[in-house]
C-alpha cells in the first residue's frame, strides 16, 4: 500500500466519520480534529471521558497530525504496517464494513450515476516472515468494468452520503454477490501470476530445520511425542500461505466519464 493510497484512505475514513480535516502546508501531512466518538475509539483515554461525562463539561477532542514522509518532523509517521494504521483498520471494521456514497457531479455532467461495488482487501503473505498489502478493487455493476486502485481513485472525487439533487441512479445488472465473486476471481488470478520466490525460500529454510530435527532424533527408533510436536511447530512456522481478509466495502454511485482514464480496465 503506497503512501498516497494510505493518505486517500485516511481522508475517506475521517471524512465519512464526520471528523474535521484541518489545513496543512503540503500533501505529506494530514491533520484531523476528531469527533467524540472517534476520540473514544482511537485515543485510549477512558478516565478523561468518564470524568468529563460525570461533571457534564464540554470535551476537548484530540487533534491528530499524520506525516507520510519520514524525512519531515511534524506529526506521527504512518505507513502500512504501523500500529496506528492497523488500529484505524480495526476501528473501521468495528464501525461497520459497508458504506454507501454518491458522487457530486460537475454542473455540466449528465445526472445519471452508475452503481459501483468497492472492496478493500488485505493480502497477507505468511511463512516465518510476514508481508501485508492492501488491494482496492472497484467493479461497475452495470457493465462489469473493473478498476484497480479504486480507493485512490475515490480520493479524487467529491462524495456525499445523500443522493445529490437532480441526479438519479441506474439499476445494477450484476448483483452484489456476483460482483464479489468476480472480484475474488480476479484477485485469485492476479495472485497466481505473482513470483513465489518467497515461498520457495521459506520451504528451503523449513527443510534445513527439519533435517536438523531428524538428525537430532535419528538414534531413536521410536520417536517421542516431543519430536512430533517440534515437527508440527516447524510446519506452522514455515509453511507458506496467503490469506485474504476484507477490510471494508461500499456501494458507490459514480459517473465513469469523470474518472481518470488510466484507472479503468475491462475484465
Protein backbone atom coordinates (compact mmCIF):
# COMPACT_ATOMS: atom_id res chain seq x y z
CA UNK A 1 0.00 0.00 0.00
CA UNK A 2 1.61 3.23 -1.17
CA UNK A 3 1.74 6.37 0.98
CA UNK A 4 -0.62 8.22 -1.38
CA UNK A 5 -3.15 5.39 -1.03
CA UNK A 6 -2.85 5.50 2.75
CA UNK A 7 -3.50 9.24 2.69
CA UNK A 8 -6.57 8.78 0.48
CA UNK A 9 -7.85 6.04 2.77
CA UNK A 10 -7.42 8.20 5.88
CA UNK A 11 -9.13 11.18 4.24
CA UNK A 12 -12.08 9.00 3.29
CA UNK A 13 -12.17 7.32 6.71
CA UNK A 14 -12.12 10.53 8.75
CA UNK A 15 -14.44 12.42 6.40
CA UNK A 16 -17.06 9.66 6.49
CA UNK A 17 -16.73 9.65 10.30
CA UNK A 18 -17.58 13.39 10.34
CA UNK A 19 -14.17 14.40 11.70
CA UNK A 20 -12.78 17.78 10.61
CA UNK A 21 -9.84 17.88 8.21
CA UNK A 22 -7.65 20.86 9.10
CA UNK A 23 -5.41 22.84 6.70
CA UNK A 24 -1.85 21.58 6.20
CA UNK A 25 1.12 23.03 4.34
CA UNK A 26 1.66 20.15 1.92
CA UNK A 27 0.44 16.74 0.76
CA UNK A 28 2.89 14.88 3.01
CA UNK A 29 0.76 15.66 6.05
CA UNK A 30 -2.81 15.21 7.23
CA UNK A 31 -4.30 16.93 10.27
CA UNK A 32 -7.66 15.94 11.66
CA UNK A 33 -9.83 17.08 14.57
CA UNK A 34 -11.56 14.02 15.99
CA UNK A 35 -15.22 13.70 16.91
CA UNK A 36 -16.18 12.50 20.37
CA UNK A 37 -16.88 9.01 19.05
CA UNK A 38 -13.58 8.80 17.16
CA UNK A 39 -11.61 10.16 20.12
CA UNK A 40 -13.04 7.38 22.28
CA UNK A 41 -12.17 4.75 19.70
CA UNK A 42 -8.62 5.90 18.88
CA UNK A 43 -7.13 7.80 21.81
CA UNK A 44 -7.47 5.30 24.68
CA UNK A 45 -8.29 7.77 27.44
CA UNK A 46 -11.32 6.30 29.25
CA UNK A 47 -10.62 8.14 32.50
CA UNK A 48 -10.78 11.52 30.74
CA UNK A 49 -14.14 10.69 29.16
CA UNK A 50 -15.50 9.28 32.42
CA UNK A 51 -14.55 12.48 34.25
CA UNK A 52 -15.91 14.81 31.54
CA UNK A 53 -19.21 12.98 31.35
CA UNK A 54 -19.55 12.80 35.12
CA UNK A 55 -19.22 16.57 35.57
CA UNK A 56 -21.03 17.46 32.35
CA UNK A 57 -18.14 19.52 30.97
CA UNK A 58 -17.59 20.32 27.30
CA UNK A 59 -14.97 17.86 26.00
CA UNK A 60 -11.89 18.84 24.04
CA UNK A 61 -11.34 16.12 21.46
CA UNK A 62 -7.87 15.30 20.22
CA UNK A 63 -6.26 16.57 17.04
CA UNK A 64 -4.05 14.10 15.17
CA UNK A 65 -1.32 15.05 12.73
CA UNK A 66 -0.02 12.37 10.39
CA UNK A 67 3.03 12.57 8.16
CA UNK A 68 3.61 10.36 5.13
CA UNK A 69 7.28 11.27 4.64
CA UNK A 70 9.78 10.06 7.24
CA UNK A 71 12.07 12.97 6.32
CA UNK A 72 9.85 15.58 7.98
CA UNK A 73 9.46 16.01 11.74
CA UNK A 74 5.95 17.21 12.48
CA UNK A 75 3.32 14.56 13.05
CA UNK A 76 3.09 10.82 13.58
CA UNK A 77 4.73 8.87 10.74
CA UNK A 78 2.15 6.47 9.37
CA UNK A 79 2.77 3.69 6.87
CA UNK A 80 1.44 0.26 6.00
CA UNK A 81 2.39 -1.89 8.97
CA UNK A 82 2.39 0.93 11.53
CA UNK A 83 0.35 0.22 14.69
CA UNK A 84 -1.77 3.37 14.22
CA UNK A 85 -2.86 2.40 10.72
CA UNK A 86 -3.84 -1.09 11.83
CA UNK A 87 -5.73 0.44 14.75
CA UNK A 88 -7.67 2.53 12.22
CA UNK A 89 -8.30 -0.57 10.06
CA UNK A 90 -9.72 -2.33 13.12
CA UNK A 91 -11.82 0.70 14.02
CA UNK A 92 -13.24 0.80 10.51
CA UNK A 93 -14.30 -2.83 10.97
CA UNK A 94 -15.89 -2.10 14.36
CA UNK A 95 -17.84 0.83 12.92
CA UNK A 96 -19.16 -1.28 10.07
CA UNK A 97 -17.63 -2.62 6.89
CA UNK A 98 -20.19 -1.26 4.47
CA UNK A 99 -20.88 2.31 3.29
CA UNK A 100 -22.95 3.92 0.55
CA UNK A 101 -21.79 7.17 -1.08
CA UNK A 102 -22.79 9.31 -4.08
CA UNK A 103 -20.60 11.41 -6.35
CA UNK A 104 -21.19 15.13 -6.60
CA UNK A 105 -21.14 15.87 -10.33
CA UNK A 106 -19.88 18.89 -12.24
CA UNK A 107 -22.74 21.16 -13.29
CA UNK A 108 -22.38 20.24 -16.97
CA UNK A 109 -22.44 16.46 -16.36
CA UNK A 110 -25.37 14.17 -17.12
CA UNK A 111 -27.40 13.32 -13.98
CA UNK A 112 -27.10 9.52 -14.17
CA UNK A 113 -24.96 7.75 -11.54
CA UNK A 114 -23.78 4.17 -12.04
CA UNK A 115 -23.53 1.64 -9.19
CA UNK A 116 -20.00 0.52 -8.28
CA UNK A 117 -19.03 -2.14 -5.76
CA UNK A 118 -15.78 -1.30 -3.95
CA UNK A 119 -13.76 -3.76 -1.85
CA UNK A 120 -10.60 -3.13 0.14
CA UNK A 121 -8.84 -6.42 0.91
CA UNK A 122 -5.72 -7.08 2.98
CA UNK A 123 -3.49 -9.76 1.46
CA UNK A 124 -1.03 -11.39 3.87
CA UNK A 125 1.95 -13.46 2.72
CA UNK A 126 2.92 -15.63 5.67
CA UNK A 127 5.72 -18.05 6.49
CA UNK A 128 8.40 -17.49 9.12
CA UNK A 129 8.26 -13.94 7.77
CA UNK A 130 5.15 -11.88 7.02
CA UNK A 131 4.27 -9.21 4.49
CA UNK A 132 0.93 -7.42 4.07
CA UNK A 133 -0.50 -5.31 1.28
CA UNK A 134 -3.85 -3.72 0.55
CA UNK A 135 -5.74 -4.39 -2.68
CA UNK A 136 -8.50 -1.96 -3.60
CA UNK A 137 -10.86 -3.09 -6.36
CA UNK A 138 -13.95 -1.46 -7.86
CA UNK A 139 -16.47 -3.20 -10.12
CA UNK A 140 -19.18 -1.41 -12.04
CA UNK A 141 -22.43 -3.31 -11.54
CA UNK A 142 -23.87 -2.40 -14.95
CA UNK A 143 -21.20 -3.41 -17.48
CA UNK A 144 -18.62 -5.26 -15.35
CA UNK A 145 -15.75 -2.80 -15.82
CA UNK A 146 -13.12 -3.38 -13.12
CA UNK A 147 -10.78 -0.80 -11.58
CA UNK A 148 -7.61 -1.47 -9.64
CA UNK A 149 -6.56 1.18 -7.13
CA UNK A 150 -10.22 2.02 -6.53
CA UNK A 151 -9.60 3.71 -3.16
CA UNK A 152 -7.03 6.02 -4.73
CA UNK A 153 -9.49 6.93 -7.49
CA UNK A 154 -12.23 7.67 -4.96
CA UNK A 155 -9.90 10.12 -3.25
CA UNK A 156 -10.07 12.33 -6.37
CA UNK A 157 -13.89 12.57 -6.27
CA UNK A 158 -16.28 14.54 -4.09
CA UNK A 159 -18.60 12.06 -2.38
CA UNK A 160 -21.55 12.58 -0.04
CA UNK A 161 -23.93 10.31 1.85
CA UNK A 162 -27.16 11.53 0.18
CA UNK A 163 -28.16 11.37 -3.48
CA UNK A 164 -27.41 14.84 -4.94
CA UNK A 165 -30.30 16.94 -6.21
CA UNK A 166 -31.34 16.41 -9.84
CA UNK A 167 -29.41 13.11 -10.04
CA UNK A 168 -30.71 9.57 -10.36
CA UNK A 169 -29.13 6.14 -10.08
CA UNK A 170 -29.01 3.38 -12.67
CA UNK A 171 -30.19 -0.09 -11.68
CA UNK A 172 -27.47 -2.74 -11.41
CA UNK A 173 -27.42 -5.66 -13.85
CA UNK A 174 -24.86 -7.51 -11.71
CA UNK A 175 -25.81 -8.47 -8.16
CA UNK A 176 -23.55 -7.59 -5.25
CA UNK A 177 -22.99 -11.30 -4.57
CA UNK A 178 -21.95 -11.92 -8.17
CA UNK A 179 -19.77 -8.80 -8.08
CA UNK A 180 -17.94 -10.05 -5.00
CA UNK A 181 -17.33 -13.39 -6.75
CA UNK A 182 -15.93 -11.62 -9.82
CA UNK A 183 -13.55 -9.58 -7.67
CA UNK A 184 -12.46 -12.70 -5.77
CA UNK A 185 -11.71 -14.49 -9.05
CA UNK A 186 -9.74 -11.50 -10.30
CA UNK A 187 -7.63 -11.33 -7.13
CA UNK A 188 -7.02 -15.10 -7.28
CA UNK A 189 -5.87 -14.87 -10.90
CA UNK A 190 -3.55 -11.97 -10.06
CA UNK A 191 -2.01 -13.89 -7.15
CA UNK A 192 -1.40 -16.92 -9.37
CA UNK A 193 0.80 -14.83 -11.68
CA UNK A 194 2.97 -13.41 -8.89
CA UNK A 195 6.51 -14.71 -8.28
CA UNK A 196 6.77 -17.24 -5.46
CA UNK A 197 10.45 -17.00 -4.58
CA UNK A 198 9.48 -16.05 -1.02
CA UNK A 199 7.57 -19.34 -0.64
CA UNK A 200 10.41 -21.40 -2.17
CA UNK A 201 12.92 -19.76 0.16
CA UNK A 202 10.69 -20.44 3.17
CA UNK A 203 10.38 -24.10 2.12
CA UNK A 204 14.18 -24.34 1.89
CA UNK A 205 14.58 -22.94 5.42
CA UNK A 206 11.87 -25.33 6.62
CA UNK A 207 13.71 -28.31 5.05
CA UNK A 208 17.01 -27.34 6.70
CA UNK A 209 15.47 -27.09 10.16
CA UNK A 210 13.56 -30.33 9.62
CA UNK A 211 16.79 -32.10 8.60
CA UNK A 212 18.43 -30.85 11.82
CA UNK A 213 15.48 -32.13 13.82
CA UNK A 214 15.66 -35.54 12.14
CA UNK A 215 19.41 -35.71 12.76
CA UNK A 216 18.89 -34.95 16.44
CA UNK A 217 16.46 -37.84 16.84
CA UNK A 218 17.98 -40.28 14.33
CA UNK A 219 19.33 -42.63 17.01
CA UNK A 220 15.85 -43.18 18.44
CA UNK A 221 13.90 -45.96 16.77
CA UNK A 222 10.58 -44.80 18.23
CA UNK A 223 10.25 -41.06 18.03
CA UNK A 224 8.92 -39.41 21.21
CA UNK A 225 5.90 -37.11 21.28
CA UNK A 226 8.22 -34.13 21.52
CA UNK A 227 9.61 -34.95 18.08
CA UNK A 228 6.14 -34.82 16.52
CA UNK A 229 5.35 -31.60 18.38
CA UNK A 230 8.52 -29.93 17.14
CA UNK A 231 7.88 -31.16 13.60
CA UNK A 232 4.38 -29.68 13.69
CA UNK A 233 5.75 -26.41 15.11
CA UNK A 234 8.17 -26.17 12.16
CA UNK A 235 5.28 -26.63 9.73
CA UNK A 236 3.28 -23.89 11.45
CA UNK A 237 6.30 -21.60 11.39
CA UNK A 238 7.50 -22.09 7.82
CA UNK A 239 4.61 -23.33 5.68
CA UNK A 240 3.94 -20.64 3.03
CA UNK A 241 0.37 -19.40 2.84
CA UNK A 242 -1.57 -16.44 1.55
CA UNK A 243 -4.62 -15.14 3.40
CA UNK A 244 -7.08 -12.51 2.19
CA UNK A 245 -9.24 -10.52 4.60
CA UNK A 246 -11.93 -7.95 3.87
CA UNK A 247 -11.10 -4.54 5.37
CA UNK A 248 -14.23 -2.73 4.22
CA UNK A 249 -16.66 -2.48 1.34
CA UNK A 250 -19.07 0.01 -0.14
CA UNK A 251 -21.60 0.76 -2.81
CA UNK A 252 -20.70 3.91 -4.71
CA UNK A 253 -22.87 5.72 -7.25
CA UNK A 254 -20.47 7.36 -9.68
CA UNK A 255 -20.16 8.64 -13.22
CA UNK A 256 -17.42 6.80 -15.11
CA UNK A 257 -16.82 9.59 -17.61
CA UNK A 258 -15.37 11.75 -14.83
CA UNK A 259 -12.66 9.23 -13.86
CA UNK A 260 -9.03 9.38 -14.90
CA UNK A 261 -8.83 7.00 -17.92
CA UNK A 262 -5.81 5.10 -16.68
CA UNK A 263 -7.78 3.62 -13.80
CA UNK A 264 -10.27 1.77 -15.98
CA UNK A 265 -9.65 -1.80 -17.16
CA UNK A 266 -12.05 -4.21 -18.88
CA UNK A 267 -12.28 -7.60 -17.18
